[in-house]
Protein backbone atom coordinates (compact mmCIF):
# COMPACT_ATOMS: atom_id res chain seq x y z
CA UNK A 1 6.15 -9.28 1.73
CA UNK A 2 8.52 -7.61 4.05
CA UNK A 3 12.23 -8.95 3.22
CA UNK A 4 15.26 -7.96 5.59
CA UNK A 5 18.18 -6.63 3.75
CA UNK A 6 20.34 -9.52 3.79
CA UNK A 7 17.86 -12.22 2.50
CA UNK A 8 17.10 -9.49 -0.36
CA UNK A 9 20.63 -9.46 -1.41
CA UNK A 10 20.81 -13.06 -1.04
CA UNK A 11 17.55 -13.43 -3.14
CA UNK A 12 18.86 -10.72 -5.66
CA UNK A 13 22.04 -12.87 -6.43
CA UNK A 14 20.13 -16.30 -6.69
CA UNK A 15 17.92 -14.58 -9.03
CA UNK A 16 19.71 -12.31 -10.67
CA UNK A 17 21.00 -14.39 -13.60
CA UNK A 18 18.05 -16.67 -14.30
CA UNK A 19 14.79 -15.43 -13.40
CA UNK A 20 13.48 -19.34 -13.46
CA UNK A 21 15.55 -20.11 -10.60
CA UNK A 22 12.95 -17.77 -8.66
CA UNK A 23 10.36 -19.95 -9.40
CA UNK A 24 8.85 -18.19 -12.54
CA UNK A 25 8.90 -21.54 -14.55
CA UNK A 26 5.31 -22.54 -14.85
CA UNK A 27 2.03 -21.27 -15.34
CA UNK A 28 -1.22 -21.66 -17.24
CA UNK A 29 -3.26 -19.89 -19.57
CA UNK A 30 -6.31 -18.26 -18.07
CA UNK A 31 -9.46 -19.24 -19.51
CA UNK A 32 -12.46 -17.56 -18.55
CA UNK A 33 -15.46 -16.66 -20.19
CA UNK A 34 -15.68 -13.28 -19.41
CA UNK A 35 -16.44 -9.85 -21.00
CA UNK A 36 -16.29 -6.24 -20.46
CA UNK A 37 -18.06 -4.53 -17.65
CA UNK A 38 -17.42 -1.10 -16.81
CA UNK A 39 -14.07 -1.64 -17.86
CA UNK A 40 -12.70 -3.18 -21.13
CA UNK A 41 -15.11 -1.93 -23.33
CA UNK A 42 -13.76 -1.79 -26.88
CA UNK A 43 -11.64 -5.05 -26.32
CA UNK A 44 -8.44 -2.58 -26.37
CA UNK A 45 -5.98 -5.28 -25.62
CA UNK A 46 -7.28 -7.96 -28.52
CA UNK A 47 -4.43 -9.92 -29.32
CA UNK A 48 -2.03 -9.11 -26.90
CA UNK A 49 -0.42 -11.73 -24.75
CA UNK A 50 0.50 -11.02 -21.28
CA UNK A 51 1.49 -12.71 -18.16
CA UNK A 52 0.75 -11.58 -14.98
CA UNK A 53 2.53 -12.88 -11.35
CA UNK A 54 2.38 -12.04 -7.88
CA UNK A 55 3.92 -13.27 -4.68
CA UNK A 56 2.34 -16.35 -2.67
CA UNK A 57 0.35 -15.26 0.04
CA UNK A 58 -3.33 -14.69 -0.02
CA UNK A 59 -3.60 -11.18 -0.62
CA UNK A 60 -1.11 -11.31 -3.65
CA UNK A 61 -2.84 -14.26 -5.16
CA UNK A 62 -6.00 -12.65 -4.93
CA UNK A 63 -4.76 -9.38 -6.31
CA UNK A 64 -2.85 -11.17 -9.39
CA UNK A 65 -6.09 -12.96 -10.14
CA UNK A 66 -7.81 -9.41 -10.16
CA UNK A 67 -5.01 -8.10 -12.02
CA UNK A 68 -5.22 -11.07 -14.82
CA UNK A 69 -9.06 -11.23 -14.96
CA UNK A 70 -9.48 -7.59 -16.02
CA UNK A 71 -6.73 -7.88 -19.09
CA UNK A 72 -8.43 -10.98 -19.86
CA UNK A 73 -12.06 -9.10 -20.10
CA UNK A 74 -10.09 -6.41 -22.15
CA UNK A 75 -9.32 -8.93 -24.98
CA UNK A 76 -5.96 -10.01 -23.89
CA UNK A 77 -4.73 -13.68 -23.54
CA UNK A 78 -3.32 -13.89 -19.99
CA UNK A 79 -0.68 -16.11 -18.86
CA UNK A 80 -1.00 -16.92 -15.09
CA UNK A 81 1.93 -16.90 -13.30
CA UNK A 82 0.94 -16.27 -9.82
CA UNK A 83 2.16 -17.05 -6.62
CA UNK A 84 5.99 -16.94 -6.72
CA UNK A 85 7.61 -17.39 -3.37
CA UNK A 86 8.94 -14.35 -1.91
CA UNK A 87 9.31 -10.93 -2.89
CA UNK A 88 11.97 -10.62 -5.20
CA UNK A 89 11.05 -13.52 -8.03
CA UNK A 90 7.88 -11.59 -8.67
CA UNK A 91 9.57 -8.22 -8.64
CA UNK A 92 12.38 -9.33 -10.82
CA UNK A 93 9.97 -10.77 -13.51
CA UNK A 94 8.16 -7.64 -13.85
CA UNK A 95 11.56 -5.87 -14.10
CA UNK A 96 13.00 -7.67 -16.48
CA UNK A 97 10.01 -8.50 -18.60
CA UNK A 98 9.40 -12.16 -17.89
CA UNK A 99 6.14 -10.85 -16.67
CA UNK A 100 4.26 -7.67 -17.66
CA UNK A 101 2.61 -6.97 -13.98
CA UNK A 102 1.60 -7.51 -10.60
CA UNK A 103 0.02 -5.83 -7.47
CA UNK A 104 3.50 -4.66 -5.67
CA UNK A 105 3.56 -2.46 -2.51
CA UNK A 106 4.90 1.05 -2.05
CA UNK A 107 6.83 0.43 1.02
CA UNK A 108 8.40 -2.59 -0.52
CA UNK A 109 9.70 -0.98 -3.73
CA UNK A 110 11.07 1.88 -1.40
CA UNK A 111 12.67 0.29 1.23
CA UNK A 112 13.44 -3.23 0.20
CA UNK A 113 13.92 -2.65 -3.98
CA UNK A 114 15.02 0.45 -3.90
CA UNK A 115 17.20 0.74 -0.65
CA UNK A 116 15.90 3.65 1.24
CA UNK A 117 16.30 3.28 5.29
CA UNK A 118 13.26 5.63 6.07
CA UNK A 119 9.64 5.29 4.82
CA UNK A 120 7.90 8.37 3.52
CA UNK A 121 5.05 9.27 5.97
CA UNK A 122 2.52 10.63 3.14
CA UNK A 123 1.23 7.57 1.24
CA UNK A 124 0.76 9.85 -1.73
CA UNK A 125 4.37 11.28 -1.44
CA UNK A 126 5.71 7.32 -0.81
CA UNK A 127 4.11 6.38 -3.90
CA UNK A 128 5.13 9.34 -6.30
CA UNK A 129 8.67 8.56 -4.98
CA UNK A 130 8.60 4.97 -5.76
CA UNK A 131 7.27 5.70 -9.55
CA UNK A 132 9.89 8.46 -9.98
CA UNK A 133 12.53 6.25 -8.55
CA UNK A 134 11.67 2.96 -10.47
CA UNK A 135 11.30 4.45 -14.07
CA UNK A 136 15.24 3.93 -14.45
CA UNK A 137 14.36 0.43 -13.69
CA UNK A 138 11.99 0.11 -16.49
CA UNK A 139 8.99 -0.48 -14.17
CA UNK A 140 5.92 1.97 -14.53
CA UNK A 141 3.50 2.56 -11.31
CA UNK A 142 0.05 2.87 -11.68
CA UNK A 143 -2.19 4.95 -9.22
CA UNK A 144 -2.38 3.32 -5.72
CA UNK A 145 -4.93 1.80 -3.70
CA UNK A 146 -5.92 3.04 -0.70
CA UNK A 147 -5.47 -0.76 0.61
CA UNK A 148 -2.33 -0.36 2.84
CA UNK A 149 -0.94 -3.74 4.02
CA UNK A 150 0.99 -2.44 6.97
CA UNK A 151 1.97 -4.13 10.22
CA UNK A 152 -0.39 -3.26 13.44
CA UNK A 153 -0.77 -4.39 17.01
CA UNK A 154 -4.53 -6.14 17.44
CA UNK A 155 -6.16 -7.74 20.53
CA UNK A 156 -9.43 -9.38 21.35
CA UNK A 157 -12.54 -7.63 21.68
CA UNK A 158 -12.30 -8.98 25.48
CA UNK A 159 -9.14 -7.46 26.15
CA UNK A 160 -10.13 -4.38 24.84
CA UNK A 161 -12.95 -3.89 27.11
CA UNK A 162 -10.68 -5.04 30.00
CA UNK A 163 -7.75 -2.63 29.20
CA UNK A 164 -9.34 -0.13 27.36
CA UNK A 165 -6.81 0.77 24.71
CA UNK A 166 -7.10 1.97 21.28
CA UNK A 167 -3.77 3.39 20.13
CA UNK A 168 -0.43 2.69 20.42
CA UNK A 169 0.05 5.53 22.76
CA UNK A 170 -2.39 3.88 25.30
CA UNK A 171 -0.85 0.66 24.46
CA UNK A 172 2.87 2.65 25.89
CA UNK A 173 0.67 4.44 28.72
CA UNK A 174 -0.37 0.92 29.88
CA UNK A 175 2.86 -0.49 29.60
CA UNK A 176 4.29 2.05 32.36
CA UNK A 177 0.86 1.73 34.49
CA UNK A 178 0.87 -2.07 34.43
CA UNK A 179 3.92 -4.13 32.91
CA UNK A 180 2.40 -7.25 33.26
CA UNK A 181 -0.72 -6.22 31.26
CA UNK A 182 1.06 -5.62 28.11
CA UNK A 183 2.40 -9.12 26.33
CA UNK A 184 3.34 -9.64 22.90
CA UNK A 185 2.73 -12.09 20.43
CA UNK A 186 5.36 -11.51 17.08
CA UNK A 187 6.61 -13.18 14.44
CA UNK A 188 10.47 -13.55 14.72
CA UNK A 189 11.05 -10.85 11.88
CA UNK A 190 8.79 -8.37 13.42
CA UNK A 191 10.85 -8.56 17.07
CA UNK A 192 14.28 -7.76 15.52
CA UNK A 193 13.10 -5.20 12.49
CA UNK A 194 13.60 -1.50 12.83
CA UNK A 195 10.31 -0.95 11.46
CA UNK A 196 8.90 -3.57 13.77
CA UNK A 197 8.89 -3.99 17.39
CA UNK A 198 12.20 -2.28 18.45
CA UNK A 199 11.21 0.66 16.51
CA UNK A 200 7.74 0.85 17.58
CA UNK A 201 8.50 0.76 21.36
CA UNK A 202 11.17 3.36 20.94
CA UNK A 203 8.69 5.67 19.22
CA UNK A 204 6.06 5.08 21.63
CA UNK A 205 8.47 5.19 24.49
CA UNK A 206 7.26 1.41 25.32
CA UNK A 207 9.03 -0.76 27.90
CA UNK A 208 8.26 -4.26 27.27
CA UNK A 209 10.73 -7.03 28.77
CA UNK A 210 11.64 -9.60 26.48
CA UNK A 211 10.05 -12.20 29.06
CA UNK A 212 6.42 -10.47 27.87
CA UNK A 213 7.14 -11.39 23.87
CA UNK A 214 6.45 -14.64 22.70
CA UNK A 215 7.99 -15.27 19.15
CA UNK A 216 5.78 -17.55 16.64
CA UNK A 217 4.63 -18.06 12.99
CA UNK A 218 2.94 -15.21 12.12
CA UNK A 219 -0.62 -17.86 11.25
CA UNK A 220 -0.49 -18.79 14.91
CA UNK A 221 -0.58 -15.00 16.45
CA UNK A 222 -3.93 -14.25 15.40
CA UNK A 223 -5.57 -17.76 17.16
CA UNK A 224 -3.43 -16.90 20.22
CA UNK A 225 -4.61 -12.86 20.70
CA UNK A 226 -8.38 -14.32 19.57
CA UNK A 227 -8.03 -16.14 22.78
CA UNK A 228 -6.66 -13.72 24.75
CA UNK A 229 -5.00 -15.71 27.32
CA UNK A 230 -1.57 -16.33 25.28
CA UNK A 231 -1.17 -12.80 24.68
CA UNK A 232 -2.86 -9.40 25.21
CA UNK A 233 -1.40 -8.05 21.75
CA UNK A 234 -0.27 -9.79 18.82
CA UNK A 235 1.21 -8.52 15.65
CA UNK A 236 -1.04 -8.41 12.65
CA UNK A 237 -1.15 -7.18 8.81
CA UNK A 238 -3.85 -4.58 8.54
CA UNK A 239 -5.58 -6.03 5.64
CA UNK A 240 -5.85 -9.65 7.08
CA UNK A 241 -8.89 -11.21 6.80
CA UNK A 242 -8.74 -12.79 10.24
CA UNK A 243 -8.81 -9.54 12.06
CA UNK A 244 -12.68 -9.24 11.05
CA UNK A 245 -13.30 -13.46 11.43
CA UNK A 246 -12.05 -13.45 14.85
CA UNK A 247 -13.15 -9.90 15.92
CA UNK A 248 -10.11 -8.55 16.80
CA UNK A 249 -9.43 -4.74 17.33
CA UNK A 250 -6.77 -3.07 15.80
CA UNK A 251 -4.95 -0.13 17.56
CA UNK A 252 -4.57 3.10 15.70
CA UNK A 253 -0.90 3.69 14.93
CA UNK A 254 -1.32 7.53 16.16
CA UNK A 255 1.96 8.65 15.60
CA UNK A 256 2.26 7.14 12.31
CA UNK A 257 5.28 4.65 13.00
CA UNK A 258 4.65 2.09 10.86
CA UNK A 259 5.67 2.83 7.03
CA UNK A 260 2.96 2.63 4.15
CA UNK A 261 2.57 -0.38 1.79
CA UNK A 262 -0.13 0.68 -0.28
CA UNK A 263 -0.73 -1.50 -3.24
CA UNK A 264 -0.78 -0.22 -6.90
CA UNK A 265 -0.19 -2.24 -10.23
CA UNK A 266 3.71 -2.28 -11.27
CA UNK A 267 3.84 -2.85 -15.10
CA UNK A 268 7.03 -3.61 -17.01
CA UNK A 269 7.50 -0.18 -19.00
CA UNK A 270 7.83 -1.85 -22.30
CA UNK A 271 4.46 -3.17 -21.90
CA UNK A 272 2.59 -0.20 -20.61
CA UNK A 273 4.16 1.76 -23.82
CA UNK A 274 3.04 -0.83 -25.98
CA UNK A 275 -0.53 -1.07 -24.20
CA UNK A 276 -1.36 2.28 -22.92
CA UNK A 277 -4.95 1.41 -22.33
CA UNK A 278 -3.66 -1.10 -19.46
CA UNK A 279 -3.71 2.23 -17.17
CA UNK A 280 -7.29 3.06 -17.68
CA UNK A 281 -8.84 -0.48 -17.38
CA UNK A 282 -7.06 -0.62 -14.07
CA UNK A 283 -7.52 2.47 -12.26
CA UNK A 284 -10.93 2.04 -11.39
CA UNK A 285 -10.32 -1.63 -10.28
CA UNK A 286 -7.77 -0.35 -8.16
CA UNK A 287 -9.56 3.00 -6.85
CA UNK A 288 -12.15 0.20 -5.45
CA UNK A 289 -9.77 -1.51 -3.36
CA UNK A 290 -9.21 -0.78 0.51
CA UNK A 291 -8.26 -2.62 3.18
CA UNK A 292 -11.63 -3.78 4.45
CA UNK A 293 -12.22 -5.12 0.75
CA UNK A 294 -9.14 -6.59 1.00
CA UNK A 295 -10.09 -8.17 4.54
CA UNK A 296 -13.22 -9.51 2.95
CA UNK A 297 -11.49 -11.23 0.31
CA UNK A 298 -8.61 -12.87 1.82
CA UNK A 299 -11.14 -14.13 4.80
CA UNK A 300 -12.89 -16.10 1.72
CA UNK A 301 -9.58 -17.78 1.18
CA UNK A 302 -8.31 -18.15 4.76
CA UNK A 303 -11.55 -18.86 6.49
CA UNK A 304 -13.86 -20.08 4.32
CA UNK A 305 -11.51 -22.39 1.89
CA UNK A 306 -12.64 -20.53 -1.18
CA UNK A 307 -10.35 -20.44 -4.36
CA UNK A 308 -8.69 -17.09 -4.87
CA UNK A 309 -9.27 -17.19 -8.71
CA UNK A 310 -13.21 -17.73 -7.74
CA UNK A 311 -12.80 -15.20 -5.05
CA UNK A 312 -11.14 -12.48 -7.49
CA UNK A 313 -13.76 -13.16 -10.26
CA UNK A 314 -17.14 -12.87 -8.00
CA UNK A 315 -15.72 -9.61 -6.50
CA UNK A 316 -15.12 -8.19 -10.28
CA UNK A 317 -18.38 -9.37 -11.49
CA UNK A 318 -20.39 -8.18 -8.21
CA UNK A 319 -18.70 -4.67 -8.57
CA UNK A 320 -19.56 -4.36 -12.34
CA UNK A 321 -16.25 -4.46 -13.71
CA UNK A 322 -16.68 -7.44 -15.89
CA UNK A 323 -19.27 -9.39 -16.80
CA UNK A 324 -19.37 -13.44 -17.34
CA UNK A 325 -20.48 -14.91 -20.54
């Protein structure tokens, strides 16, 4: 979800000339037997042929399926092109009209796509700034969710009881009082990003020696933190279902250092002009998406092994947004 500036530039060069080079070359039609529930009454998208896309990680796959199912229940014929590797391919597909919509993150757009160095601390202000700036790119942003897939530090329940930290300021205080107690497991990118470990340490006045920082694949971090012996704290994403499944305790970002990455529908502007009903269809669904909901849905995939499409469909039906049959 979060690409470095160099990786972004390289990916844009690779993708700019031909979207198919970014992986948007295949897809399959959604053929679910679904109909309107609390959204989609009157089939306002009947006859529309729309393509939905997403990035490749679990939360994005589920959000892409949610988006497609809502459009399908409202009468559209939907082509599923979710699971595009990396951020750039899916983004460029929506921007160029090869896809019609996806759920994107405000912080990613503001920093990675629009090139701003400093995030906007207010979530609503961040969304408004992205919405206004992206109009020139032919991209329309619909109202955001409270779902905020940003960075955080987490620890095991046992270590939380042992050290008593609840905020990043507490972690900073512990790093000064007992330096050996603060060990970190982080992904390599987080270890070097200004909006990752270096910036966090600067903002909170932490002094964590490099010997206390272990770099590893992000998927391994959760098990290492859960075990509690390899590292006291680990880098996590706030909407990851493994936080709840492994009973991890997330440290509050009390100085609001980490950027806001609120999910919001990103729609090709020409598509939205042609089918303005999309705004009303997605508004109540997006409003229901919170960190807790994202954790629950992601856990069904990552922990239980369920299919993202089935998870999305079951949630939409349970919430009454769509009906089966």
